[in-house]
Structures are given as structure tokens and as C-alpha cells.
Amino acid sequence: MFLHVIFTTDGYVSFGGGECCKAKDTFQLCTGDVANSTWLNCANATIKTLGADGTVVLTADMDAPTLVRYAYSNYPQCALYNKHGLPAGPFLKPLASDTAAAAAAAATSAAAAVSSKAALAPPAVKAAPAQTPPMGVNTWNAFHCNVDERKMRAMADALVTTGLAKAGYEYVNIDDCWQVERSPNGTINADPARFPGGMKSLADYIHTKGLKFGVYTAQREFTCQRRPGSWEHEAIDVASYCEWGVDYLKLDACTGRGYTAHNESWIKFRAAIDQCSQTRGFPMVLSVESCDDDSCGQWIGKLANLWRTCGDIQAYFGSVMNNVAENTKMAKYAGPTGGPLGGGHWNDADMLQVGDIGLSITEQRSHYALWSLMASPLLIGSDVSMLTPTSLTILGNVEATAVNQDRLGIQGIPVGPGSADFRNAPCWSKPLANGDLAVILLNTGANATKITCSLADLGWQAGTAANVRDIWLKKDVGPTKAGGLLSAQLDSHDHSFLRLSKP
């Protein structure tokens, strides 16, 4: 049964992208409770009409939705705009009671152009290492295109005042929409209305906080928000970033013209970044999108410090586990010492959704534990200045981040029975530099159940007992016998995050 849902957008009266956006799942209809972040069911919704007064009619195949969620997906070309031309940020709101049933059909959209999988031979010199996975914050999930100088300074301030900076979160990364045009000489310009002080001034401010500054661009003609991309401007853009003091560059793919070879842009950026790093005496981290198979895995570490392995994460548990599964396929290419490429290369399962609407607290904790175990970069995707004490407790757990930042750099993987199903594996293991072992017991099912993992399957030393420490409780919970088992009764989507050490 298709359902029409009517709601108002609180002042947003136009919808970018025209007819194509009617087929995009920019909206979701859900049943659940906003206050408790309880999601019982969600369905993608297509826009049917948008009235001049901001009234939206959505269509989805589901029964009795109670909530509408906007911009949970990365479809900025389909943003809502107010009368001043400013796009709406992500929101969640209860539905009005005037919902009526009717039939409807969804349109289909053309696939976006993508680069060829063909690849040029990478250079012999490897990328300068990021010895542990980067930690920090990225603006996209929280603000989308609504970024400006004040927000960036506030994010930097919040990392310090919340104590997250001391916990290791050091990068303050701006995503799309900071750039507006190029000068006649080809240099990229920041939006003068949103960044009146300029990017160098912003970088200087962030550096005074003891933090690092990151920017965003795309390897094709346009960014995802149709801002100028870096195609055929790689060297001149890096020269600007170098002058500003940029420490981290996120290189997206996105739209418009581009090179035939999958990695030509990455090679050009790598050469320019290496020259910049040599000139100024400190490195610039390069994050690229994307590398998700062996064809690029064999050489990607020569070009990038980290690379996306999966699609854009969304704030529901199925998306979290989909990204876990895709990221796990690339595990052998991660790490400063483990893996065929040697130093400082990380599989990126995308930004953290801790603190964003959509995941329950239980799911946020499981999400964070898995990212820690997988040695994925820990980039907060929520508004740091608005984090609840619960979200701060999750993000600020230094015992969890210690697992992520462990110098051995091995990416944790599923082990034992069921380990071939990366999306639903119950037992996960990560060796640590001091001989300890980080372990996750995970229940991905819909019902509470007991999860049991053997020490042998987890990779613990044969014939050796283990002391067990609960990472969330931050306390020792007792020894195990040699060759024994670890067990936990877990609710749906819950986990047990443990550290094993020798008695």
C-alpha cells in the first residue's frame, strides 16, 4: 500500500533539482519515538509535490508513519531552500495527523557519471604515513551545505571545551560548500559572505587551539554541491591549501568531467602534496574516495593515507553494518606495519554517526566500538557543540580510542564460526601492540540472544588464561580459563567490548 504523507517544511519553499529529485530518497518516513531515538521501521519516500507555502506531499510504501526525516542521504542536489536561497539542514520531525492513503508511482533517476576503473601506474614513493587513524570532526552530516566561519570556529572551540581534543580528536575538517568560484588565474576562492576572514585566517585560528585544519574538494569538474572541483587544477589548489596551512585534504569523486584513469587525479594530488610537505616541513593527510577491491588495494597506499571503502553512512543500524562489511573486505591493506603496503594506511568506513538522530544509544555504542576495532578514522559527524553527555561519554572513552589508535595498526576482523558473513559476524578480534587482544561480541539480530566466542577462535595464545577488562565499564571483570569461552547475553544490536591480557 502506497501512502501519501503531508507535512510543512517550516519556511522552506523550493526544492532544488526539479523533477529528478522526485526519485531521490532525500526523505524517509519512519515509525518511532523522537525523544528516545527508537526506530521501528523506515522507508524511503519520494516527493510528490511541494507547495509555495512549504507544504510537502511525500509518497512511500508503508503503514502509519509517525516521523519524517530529511537529508539523511547524500543528495544535496535535492535540497529544500528557503526564500533567501539557503538550504535546509538535516531534520527530524513528527508528522501531522492529516495523513491520507492514496496510490502513487516513483520515477527513476539516471545514474551519475563515474570514473573508469582503469588505473595508471602509481609512483614508487609511498604516501607520507599517518601513523594512526585520523581523529577529529567533519561538517557534512551535521550541517551539509550550511557551513561558515563561525561554525568552524565553534567546532574547534567545542573540541577543546568538551575535552575531546585531549582524547585525541585533532582535525577540524570542513566538507563541501566553502568554495564558490575561481579567479582568472585559476586559484580557488572561498565564499566571501560565509568566510569573510578567509581560509588562512580560519586555519590560523584552529591551529591556535592546538588542532589541525582540513578542507574538501573533488577530483572531477564539480563537487557534489556543484561547486568548482579540482579537475585540471590539482597543483594550483594544493598550492593554496599549502599557503593556508591545511593539514588534511578530503578528495571526493562527484560530478562533471574527469580523467579516464581512476587514479590520475590522485597521482597529481600526491605529487603536489609531497612538494608542499617538503617545502613547509609538515605533512598534509590525503583522504580519497574510493577504493573497495584488490585492483586498487595493491597500490592505493602509495597515493593516499586513507580511502573510503563503502557508500555514505546513514543513521540506521543496517547502514552501519553494510559499511562494516564493505570495510572488512579491505582489511589486509590497513595499518602502519601490518599489510603489504607498510606504513600508515587506513580503510575508511565513513564518518561517525554518534550524536546524530537515528541510532539508539545502544547502536551508537556498537557503531563506535566497531570503528575502533576496525582502525577506521574516527571523524565525528555530529555538531560537537550540541553533543549530549551520553554521546560525549561514548566519543570520549579513552580505552576505546586506545584500541583504534593502537600502534600495531592491525584492522580487527570477524573470527570463528559465522565470520564469513561480515555483516552479521558475532565474534571480532584485533591484536594490539603490547600483546593484548581487543574483542567484540556482537548481536546483529532483532532479538536478545547469548553470544559466545572461544579464546582459540579469537586468536588468544593457546593454553593461556586471560584477564578480561570491559572497555565501556573501564574495569576488570575477571579471568578466563585457558582454552575457555567468552559469553554475553546481549539485546538486539548490542555488543560487549573487551580487552584480554595475560594474567
Protein backbone atom coordinates (compact mmCIF):
# COMPACT_ATOMS: atom_id res chain seq x y z
CA MET A 1 0.00 0.00 0.00
CA PHE A 2 1.40 3.38 -1.00
CA LEU A 3 0.82 6.22 1.44
CA HIS A 4 0.72 9.96 0.85
CA VAL A 5 2.10 11.97 3.76
CA ILE A 6 1.58 15.70 4.10
CA PHE A 7 3.72 17.99 6.26
CA THR A 8 5.05 21.55 6.24
CA THR A 9 8.72 22.46 5.93
CA ASP A 10 8.74 25.48 8.26
CA GLY A 11 9.72 28.13 5.74
CA TYR A 12 11.43 26.08 3.04
CA VAL A 13 9.50 26.80 -0.13
CA SER A 14 11.52 25.44 -3.07
CA PHE A 15 13.18 22.17 -3.95
CA GLY A 16 16.43 22.08 -5.94
CA GLY A 17 16.89 19.73 -8.85
CA GLY A 18 13.38 19.74 -10.27
CA GLU A 19 11.77 16.53 -11.44
CA CYS A 20 14.88 14.39 -10.89
CA CYS A 21 14.58 14.85 -7.16
CA LYS A 22 11.20 13.17 -7.05
CA ALA A 23 13.05 9.88 -7.48
CA LYS A 24 15.70 10.54 -4.84
CA ASP A 25 15.31 9.22 -1.33
CA THR A 26 16.10 12.57 0.28
CA PHE A 27 13.27 11.87 2.72
CA GLN A 28 12.45 8.89 4.92
CA LEU A 29 9.18 8.10 6.63
CA CYS A 30 9.58 6.23 9.90
CA THR A 31 7.66 4.87 12.83
CA GLY A 32 9.27 5.59 16.17
CA ASP A 33 9.88 8.00 19.01
CA VAL A 34 11.97 11.16 18.52
CA ALA A 35 12.82 11.59 22.18
CA ASN A 36 14.12 8.07 22.66
CA SER A 37 15.68 7.66 19.20
CA THR A 38 13.71 4.46 18.78
CA TRP A 39 13.32 3.42 15.13
CA LEU A 40 10.87 0.65 14.48
CA ASN A 41 10.72 0.92 10.72
CA CYS A 42 11.80 3.33 7.98
CA ALA A 43 11.01 3.56 4.28
CA ASN A 44 12.47 5.77 1.58
CA ALA A 45 10.00 8.40 0.40
CA THR A 46 9.75 10.33 -2.85
CA ILE A 47 8.44 13.88 -3.09
CA LYS A 48 5.20 14.21 -4.99
CA THR A 49 4.52 17.93 -4.70
CA LEU A 50 5.92 20.96 -2.89
CA GLY A 51 3.57 23.88 -2.46
CA ALA A 52 4.53 27.55 -2.43
CA ASP A 53 3.66 27.62 1.27
CA GLY A 54 6.18 24.86 2.05
CA THR A 55 3.64 22.03 2.14
CA VAL A 56 5.19 18.74 1.02
CA VAL A 57 3.40 15.62 -0.13
CA LEU A 58 5.55 12.50 0.18
CA THR A 59 4.88 9.00 -1.11
CA ALA A 60 6.13 5.80 0.49
CA ASP A 61 5.06 2.18 0.74
CA MET A 62 4.48 1.72 4.47
CA ASP A 63 1.80 1.78 7.14
CA ALA A 64 1.13 4.63 9.57
CA PRO A 65 4.44 6.55 9.71
CA THR A 66 4.87 8.86 12.71
CA LEU A 67 8.07 10.72 11.74
CA VAL A 68 9.66 12.29 8.69
CA ARG A 69 13.44 12.50 8.31
CA TYR A 70 15.05 14.83 5.74
CA ALA A 71 18.52 14.79 4.14
CA TYR A 72 19.55 11.53 5.75
CA SER A 73 21.07 10.66 2.35
CA ASN A 74 23.79 12.46 0.44
CA TYR A 75 21.57 14.12 -2.15
CA PRO A 76 22.42 17.82 -1.86
CA GLN A 77 21.15 18.49 -5.37
CA CYS A 78 17.69 17.81 -3.96
CA ALA A 79 17.86 20.20 -1.02
CA LEU A 80 14.98 22.26 0.32
CA TYR A 81 15.57 26.02 0.07
CA ASN A 82 14.00 28.96 1.87
CA LYS A 83 13.05 32.28 0.27
CA HIS A 84 16.62 33.54 0.76
CA GLY A 85 18.06 30.64 -1.22
CA LEU A 86 19.60 28.91 1.80
CA PRO A 87 19.31 25.11 2.04
CA ALA A 88 17.77 23.31 4.98
CA GLY A 89 19.97 21.26 7.26
CA PRO A 90 19.01 17.70 8.21
CA PHE A 91 15.92 17.47 10.40
CA LEU A 92 13.56 15.01 12.02
CA LYS A 93 10.00 15.97 12.93
CA PRO A 94 6.73 14.32 13.92
CA LEU A 95 4.11 14.05 11.24
CA ALA A 96 0.83 15.93 11.44
CA SER A 97 -2.33 13.90 11.80
CA ASP A 98 -3.63 14.84 8.32
CA THR A 99 -2.06 11.84 6.56
CA ALA A 100 -4.22 10.14 3.92
CA ALA A 101 -3.74 6.99 1.87
CA ALA A 102 -3.52 7.03 -1.94
CA ALA A 103 -1.72 5.30 -4.81
CA ALA A 104 1.42 6.68 -6.44
CA ALA A 105 4.37 5.65 -8.57
CA ALA A 106 8.00 6.64 -8.15
CA ALA A 107 10.14 7.93 -11.01
CA THR A 108 13.58 6.54 -11.75
CA SER A 109 16.78 8.56 -11.90
CA ALA A 110 19.77 8.39 -14.19
CA ALA A 111 22.94 7.06 -12.66
CA ALA A 112 25.65 9.65 -12.01
CA ALA A 113 28.72 9.55 -14.17
CA VAL A 114 31.66 7.74 -12.55
CA SER A 115 35.34 7.40 -13.33
CA SER A 116 36.65 4.44 -15.22
CA LYS A 117 38.21 1.60 -13.22
CA ALA A 118 41.26 1.88 -15.46
CA ALA A 119 44.31 2.94 -13.48
CA LEU A 120 47.70 4.44 -14.23
CA ALA A 121 50.86 3.01 -12.69
CA PRO A 122 51.31 4.75 -9.31
CA PRO A 123 54.61 6.38 -8.33
CA ALA A 124 57.24 4.38 -6.49
CA VAL A 125 57.29 6.72 -3.47
CA LYS A 126 54.68 5.87 -0.84
CA ALA A 127 52.45 8.41 0.83
CA ALA A 128 53.81 10.01 3.98
CA PRO A 129 52.40 7.98 6.88
CA ALA A 130 49.58 8.93 9.20
CA GLN A 131 50.82 6.59 11.91
CA THR A 132 47.39 6.14 13.50
CA PRO A 133 43.89 6.62 12.04
CA PRO A 134 42.95 10.33 11.95
CA MET A 135 40.57 11.57 14.65
CA GLY A 136 38.54 14.75 14.52
CA VAL A 137 35.29 16.19 13.18
CA ASN A 138 33.75 16.67 9.73
CA THR A 139 30.92 19.10 9.00
CA TRP A 140 28.85 17.23 6.41
CA ASN A 141 26.45 15.03 8.40
CA ALA A 142 25.55 17.79 10.84
CA PHE A 143 25.45 20.86 8.59
CA HIS A 144 25.52 19.75 4.95
CA CYS A 145 25.96 22.98 2.96
CA ASN A 146 25.25 25.29 5.91
CA VAL A 147 28.88 25.90 6.81
CA ASP A 148 30.57 29.16 7.65
CA GLU A 149 33.50 30.61 9.54
CA ARG A 150 31.61 30.90 12.85
CA LYS A 151 30.54 27.26 12.79
CA MET A 152 34.09 26.11 12.11
CA ARG A 153 35.50 28.17 14.96
CA ALA A 154 32.73 26.91 17.23
CA MET A 155 33.58 23.30 16.34
CA ALA A 156 37.23 23.91 17.20
CA ASP A 157 36.26 25.58 20.47
CA ALA A 158 33.93 22.70 21.34
CA LEU A 159 36.59 20.05 20.77
CA VAL A 160 38.68 21.82 23.38
CA THR A 161 35.98 22.67 25.94
CA THR A 162 34.41 19.19 25.85
CA GLY A 163 37.77 17.50 26.40
CA LEU A 164 37.55 15.64 23.10
CA ALA A 165 40.75 17.31 21.89
CA LYS A 166 42.61 15.79 24.84
CA ALA A 167 41.08 12.42 23.93
CA GLY A 168 42.79 12.64 20.51
CA TYR A 169 40.30 14.42 18.24
CA GLU A 170 42.52 16.92 16.45
CA TYR A 171 41.26 17.51 12.88
CA VAL A 172 38.59 20.15 12.21
CA ASN A 173 37.54 19.34 8.64
CA ILE A 174 35.18 21.39 6.51
CA ASP A 175 33.29 19.48 3.83
CA ASP A 176 31.59 20.79 0.68
CA CYS A 177 30.30 24.37 0.09
CA TRP A 178 33.18 26.50 1.34
CA GLN A 179 34.30 27.31 -2.24
CA VAL A 180 32.37 29.42 -4.77
CA GLU A 181 34.46 30.21 -7.85
CA ARG A 182 37.91 30.50 -9.37
CA SER A 183 39.86 33.68 -10.05
CA PRO A 184 41.03 34.39 -13.64
CA ASN A 185 44.40 32.86 -12.74
CA GLY A 186 42.69 29.63 -11.65
CA THR A 187 43.01 29.90 -7.88
CA ILE A 188 40.06 28.71 -5.82
CA ASN A 189 38.12 31.24 -3.73
CA ALA A 190 36.20 30.71 -0.51
CA ASP A 191 32.68 32.14 -0.16
CA PRO A 192 33.37 35.74 0.99
CA ALA A 193 29.99 36.02 2.74
CA ARG A 194 30.44 32.87 4.81
CA PHE A 195 34.22 33.11 5.26
CA PRO A 196 34.94 36.85 5.44
CA GLY A 197 38.26 36.28 7.18
CA GLY A 198 39.48 33.87 4.53
CA MET A 199 40.70 30.30 4.84
CA LYS A 200 44.18 31.13 6.10
CA SER A 201 42.72 33.12 8.99
CA LEU A 202 40.43 30.21 9.82
CA ALA A 203 43.32 27.75 9.68
CA ASP A 204 45.40 30.02 11.92
CA TYR A 205 42.60 30.17 14.50
CA ILE A 206 42.21 26.40 14.54
CA HIS A 207 45.97 26.00 14.90
CA THR A 208 45.99 28.33 17.93
CA LYS A 209 43.72 25.79 19.61
CA GLY A 210 46.36 23.09 19.12
CA LEU A 211 44.21 21.49 16.42
CA LYS A 212 44.57 20.80 12.69
CA PHE A 213 42.54 22.06 9.73
CA GLY A 214 41.10 20.08 6.83
CA VAL A 215 39.35 21.06 3.60
CA TYR A 216 37.32 19.30 0.92
CA THR A 217 37.44 19.15 -2.86
CA ALA A 218 36.54 16.72 -5.64
CA GLN A 219 38.62 15.12 -8.37
CA ARG A 220 36.08 15.87 -11.09
CA GLU A 221 34.85 19.13 -12.61
CA PHE A 222 32.33 19.78 -9.83
CA THR A 223 31.92 18.87 -6.18
CA CYS A 224 28.76 17.10 -5.04
CA GLN A 225 27.17 20.52 -4.45
CA ARG A 226 28.16 21.73 -7.94
CA ARG A 227 30.94 23.94 -6.58
CA PRO A 228 34.22 24.07 -8.55
CA GLY A 229 36.06 20.75 -8.37
CA SER A 230 39.80 20.30 -8.81
CA TRP A 231 39.90 18.64 -12.23
CA GLU A 232 42.97 20.04 -14.06
CA HIS A 233 43.66 22.33 -11.07
CA GLU A 234 45.34 19.87 -8.70
CA ALA A 235 48.68 21.65 -8.33
CA ILE A 236 47.26 25.16 -8.06
CA ASP A 237 44.70 24.04 -5.47
CA VAL A 238 47.30 22.31 -3.33
CA ALA A 239 49.46 25.44 -3.54
CA SER A 240 46.57 27.38 -2.00
CA TYR A 241 45.99 24.74 0.68
CA CYS A 242 49.70 24.75 1.45
CA GLU A 243 49.72 28.53 1.83
CA TRP A 244 46.70 28.42 4.12
CA GLY A 245 48.24 25.77 6.37
CA VAL A 246 45.86 22.92 5.54
CA ASP A 247 46.69 19.65 7.34
CA TYR A 248 44.11 17.31 5.81
CA LEU A 249 42.54 17.07 2.35
CA LYS A 250 39.38 15.10 1.61
CA LEU A 251 39.21 14.35 -2.11
CA ASP A 252 35.73 13.30 -3.23
CA ALA A 253 34.71 11.99 -6.66
CA CYS A 254 31.35 13.53 -7.70
CA THR A 255 30.24 15.05 -10.99
CA GLY A 256 31.19 16.58 -14.32
CA ARG A 257 34.19 15.93 -16.50
CA GLY A 258 37.16 13.98 -15.21
CA TYR A 259 40.09 11.83 -16.18
CA THR A 260 39.70 8.46 -17.87
CA ALA A 261 42.02 6.69 -15.43
CA HIS A 262 40.59 6.01 -11.99
CA ASN A 263 43.65 7.36 -10.19
CA GLU A 264 45.08 10.11 -12.39
CA SER A 265 43.76 12.86 -10.13
CA TRP A 266 45.11 11.08 -7.05
CA ILE A 267 48.58 10.86 -8.64
CA LYS A 268 48.58 14.59 -9.41
CA PHE A 269 47.45 15.42 -5.88
CA ARG A 270 50.05 13.11 -4.37
CA ALA A 271 52.88 14.85 -6.24
CA ALA A 272 51.64 18.33 -5.26
CA ILE A 273 51.11 17.36 -1.61
CA ASP A 274 54.57 15.79 -1.35
CA GLN A 275 56.10 19.00 -2.70
CA CYS A 276 54.08 21.09 -0.23
CA SER A 277 55.04 18.87 2.71
CA GLN A 278 58.72 19.06 1.79
CA THR A 279 58.62 22.84 1.43
CA ARG A 280 56.85 23.66 4.70
CA GLY A 281 58.19 20.79 6.80
CA PHE A 282 54.97 19.08 7.91
CA PRO A 283 52.63 16.70 6.06
CA MET A 284 49.16 17.01 4.61
CA VAL A 285 46.99 13.92 5.03
CA LEU A 286 45.23 12.80 1.84
CA SER A 287 41.86 11.04 2.05
CA VAL A 288 40.35 9.80 -1.23
CA GLU A 289 37.10 8.28 -2.45
CA SER A 290 37.20 5.43 -3.11
CA CYS A 291 38.99 2.06 -3.18
CA ASP A 292 36.97 -1.05 -2.48
CA ASP A 293 38.68 -4.02 -4.15
CA ASP A 294 42.05 -5.65 -4.78
CA SER A 295 42.55 -3.91 -8.12
CA CYS A 296 43.25 -0.63 -6.33
CA GLY A 297 44.11 -2.05 -2.92
CA GLN A 298 47.50 -3.19 -4.18
CA TRP A 299 48.68 0.35 -4.87
CA ILE A 300 46.31 2.78 -3.12
CA GLY A 301 48.67 3.24 -0.15
CA LYS A 302 51.27 4.75 -2.45
CA LEU A 303 48.88 7.60 -3.12
CA ALA A 304 46.61 8.10 -0.12
CA ASN A 305 46.75 7.93 3.66
CA LEU A 306 43.16 6.74 3.87
CA TRP A 307 40.44 5.80 1.42
CA ARG A 308 36.72 5.25 1.58
CA THR A 309 35.76 1.63 1.14
CA CYS A 310 31.97 1.97 1.11
CA GLY A 311 29.00 4.23 0.50
CA ASP A 312 27.94 7.22 2.60
CA ILE A 313 26.92 6.08 6.06
CA GLN A 314 23.36 6.76 7.18
CA ALA A 315 21.98 6.95 10.71
CA TYR A 316 20.42 3.50 10.91
CA PHE A 317 21.99 0.24 12.01
CA GLY A 318 21.65 -1.53 8.67
CA SER A 319 23.81 1.15 7.06
CA VAL A 320 26.40 0.84 9.84
CA MET A 321 26.71 -2.90 9.29
CA ASN A 322 26.76 -2.55 5.49
CA ASN A 323 29.77 -0.25 5.83
CA VAL A 324 31.37 -2.65 8.30
CA ALA A 325 31.03 -5.46 5.77
CA GLU A 326 32.49 -3.44 2.88
CA ASN A 327 35.32 -2.10 5.02
CA THR A 328 36.23 -5.58 6.27
CA LYS A 329 36.83 -6.78 2.70
CA MET A 330 39.83 -4.43 2.56
CA ALA A 331 41.32 -5.28 5.99
CA LYS A 332 44.62 -6.62 4.68
CA TYR A 333 45.55 -3.22 3.23
CA ALA A 334 45.36 -1.28 6.51
CA GLY A 335 48.00 -0.45 9.10
CA PRO A 336 51.43 1.08 9.72
CA THR A 337 53.19 -2.29 9.93
CA GLY A 338 50.61 -4.93 9.01
CA GLY A 339 49.72 -5.24 5.34
CA PRO A 340 51.60 -5.34 2.06
CA LEU A 341 51.99 -1.56 1.73
CA GLY A 342 53.75 -0.82 5.00
CA GLY A 343 53.33 2.48 6.81
CA GLY A 344 50.24 4.38 7.80
CA HIS A 345 47.32 3.49 5.55
CA TRP A 346 43.72 3.17 6.68
CA ASN A 347 40.44 1.84 5.37
CA ASP A 348 37.78 4.50 5.93
CA ALA A 349 34.28 3.25 6.79
CA ASP A 350 32.99 6.87 6.73
CA MET A 351 32.12 9.33 9.47
CA LEU A 352 30.75 8.56 12.90
CA GLN A 353 27.00 8.91 13.45
CA VAL A 354 27.36 9.13 17.24
CA GLY A 355 25.27 12.09 18.37
CA ASP A 356 23.14 12.23 15.23
CA ILE A 357 19.44 11.41 15.15
CA GLY A 358 18.62 7.88 14.05
CA LEU A 359 20.72 5.40 16.01
CA SER A 360 19.70 4.33 19.50
CA ILE A 361 22.27 4.77 22.27
CA THR A 362 22.91 1.02 22.14
CA GLU A 363 23.53 1.22 18.39
CA GLN A 364 25.77 4.27 18.75
CA ARG A 365 27.97 2.38 21.21
CA SER A 366 28.17 -0.65 18.91
CA HIS A 367 28.95 1.62 15.96
CA TYR A 368 31.78 3.29 17.88
CA ALA A 369 33.22 0.01 19.14
CA LEU A 370 33.30 -1.45 15.62
CA TRP A 371 35.03 1.66 14.18
CA SER A 372 37.57 1.44 17.00
CA LEU A 373 38.25 -2.23 16.35
CA MET A 374 38.48 -1.75 12.57
CA ALA A 375 41.05 1.05 12.92
CA SER A 376 38.76 3.26 10.85
CA PRO A 377 39.30 7.02 11.13
CA LEU A 378 37.22 8.50 13.95
CA LEU A 379 35.70 11.63 12.41
CA ILE A 380 32.69 12.91 14.34
CA GLY A 381 29.78 13.67 12.01
CA SER A 382 27.60 15.49 14.55
CA ASP A 383 27.61 19.03 15.93
CA VAL A 384 30.22 18.84 18.68
CA SER A 385 28.82 21.93 20.40
CA MET A 386 25.44 20.19 20.83
CA LEU A 387 26.52 16.72 21.99
CA THR A 388 24.67 15.20 24.93
CA PRO A 389 26.59 13.88 27.95
CA THR A 390 25.83 10.35 26.74
CA SER A 391 27.31 10.97 23.29
CA LEU A 392 30.34 12.67 24.85
CA THR A 393 30.85 9.63 27.07
CA ILE A 394 30.86 7.36 24.03
CA LEU A 395 33.21 9.51 21.96
CA GLY A 396 35.46 10.30 24.92
CA ASN A 397 36.08 6.72 26.06
CA VAL A 398 39.88 6.71 26.00
CA GLU A 399 40.05 2.93 26.37
CA ALA A 400 38.04 2.53 23.16
CA THR A 401 40.09 5.13 21.28
CA ALA A 402 43.26 3.42 22.50
CA VAL A 403 42.16 0.33 20.58
CA ASN A 404 41.60 2.46 17.48
CA GLN A 405 44.94 4.27 17.89
CA ASP A 406 46.99 1.19 18.72
CA ARG A 407 50.43 1.46 17.11
CA LEU A 408 50.40 -2.06 15.71
CA GLY A 409 47.72 -0.81 13.36
CA ILE A 410 46.06 -4.11 12.52
CA GLN A 411 42.43 -3.84 11.44
CA GLY A 412 40.15 -6.01 13.56
CA ILE A 413 38.20 -8.68 11.69
CA PRO A 414 35.50 -11.29 12.37
CA VAL A 415 36.77 -14.69 13.50
CA GLY A 416 35.41 -18.16 14.25
CA PRO A 417 32.02 -19.59 13.24
CA GLY A 418 29.97 -17.12 11.21
CA SER A 419 32.98 -14.96 10.36
CA ALA A 420 32.42 -15.27 6.61
CA ASP A 421 29.27 -13.16 6.94
CA PHE A 422 30.92 -9.81 7.61
CA ARG A 423 27.57 -8.10 8.14
CA ASN A 424 26.39 -10.44 10.90
CA ALA A 425 29.54 -11.98 12.39
CA PRO A 426 29.24 -12.42 16.19
CA CYS A 427 32.96 -12.58 17.15
CA TRP A 428 35.55 -9.90 16.31
CA SER A 429 39.24 -9.72 17.23
CA LYS A 430 42.09 -7.19 16.96
CA PRO A 431 45.69 -7.88 18.12
CA LEU A 432 47.31 -4.97 19.99
CA ALA A 433 50.91 -3.82 20.15
CA ASN A 434 51.55 -4.92 23.78
CA GLY A 435 50.26 -8.46 23.19
CA ASP A 436 46.71 -7.75 24.38
CA LEU A 437 43.68 -8.62 22.30
CA ALA A 438 40.64 -6.39 21.72
CA VAL A 439 37.41 -8.36 21.29
CA ILE A 440 33.82 -7.58 20.36
CA LEU A 441 30.89 -9.94 20.93
CA LEU A 442 28.09 -8.60 18.72
CA ASN A 443 24.40 -9.31 18.33
CA THR A 444 23.20 -8.03 14.94
CA GLY A 445 19.85 -9.80 15.24
CA ALA A 446 16.41 -8.41 16.04
CA ASN A 447 16.05 -10.28 19.35
CA ALA A 448 18.11 -10.65 22.51
CA THR A 449 20.44 -13.63 22.44
CA LYS A 450 23.54 -15.11 24.04
CA ILE A 451 26.76 -14.65 22.07
CA THR A 452 29.67 -16.99 22.79
CA CYS A 453 33.21 -16.79 21.37
CA SER A 454 36.09 -19.15 22.11
CA LEU A 455 39.54 -17.86 23.04
CA ALA A 456 41.04 -20.12 20.41
CA ASP A 457 38.92 -18.64 17.63
CA LEU A 458 39.70 -15.12 18.83
CA GLY A 459 43.42 -15.80 18.45
CA TRP A 460 44.42 -15.88 22.12
CA GLN A 461 47.61 -17.75 23.00
CA ALA A 462 46.97 -21.49 23.18
CA GLY A 463 46.92 -22.87 26.72
CA THR A 464 46.97 -19.41 28.30
CA ALA A 465 44.36 -17.88 30.56
CA ALA A 466 43.30 -14.27 30.05
CA ASN A 467 42.36 -11.35 32.23
CA VAL A 468 39.23 -9.66 30.85
CA ARG A 469 38.58 -5.92 31.00
CA ASP A 470 35.28 -4.33 29.99
CA ILE A 471 36.14 -1.27 27.90
CA TRP A 472 32.83 0.51 28.50
CA LEU A 473 32.77 -0.18 32.24
CA LYS A 474 36.51 0.59 32.40
CA LYS A 475 37.09 -2.17 34.90
CA ASP A 476 38.42 -5.72 35.07
CA VAL A 477 35.64 -8.29 35.06
CA GLY A 478 37.61 -11.41 35.91
CA PRO A 479 39.91 -14.03 34.40
CA THR A 480 39.06 -16.78 31.91
CA LYS A 481 40.43 -20.29 31.92
CA ALA A 482 42.94 -21.38 29.31
CA GLY A 483 41.04 -22.53 26.24
CA GLY A 484 37.83 -21.11 27.66
CA LEU A 485 34.91 -19.16 26.31
CA LEU A 486 33.63 -15.60 26.44
CA SER A 487 29.86 -15.21 26.64
CA ALA A 488 27.40 -12.33 26.93
CA GLN A 489 23.61 -12.04 26.91
CA LEU A 490 23.02 -9.17 24.50
CA ASP A 491 19.98 -7.19 23.42
CA SER A 492 19.37 -6.52 19.74
CA HIS A 493 22.26 -4.57 18.16
CA ASP A 494 24.17 -4.56 21.44
CA HIS A 495 27.73 -5.78 22.00
CA SER A 496 30.38 -6.49 24.59
CA PHE A 497 33.71 -4.67 24.07
CA LEU A 498 36.57 -6.37 25.90
CA ARG A 499 40.35 -6.26 26.22
CA LEU A 500 42.19 -9.50 27.02
CA SER A 501 45.60 -9.50 28.67
CA LYS A 502 47.91 -12.03 30.25
CA PRO A 503 47.31 -12.74 33.98
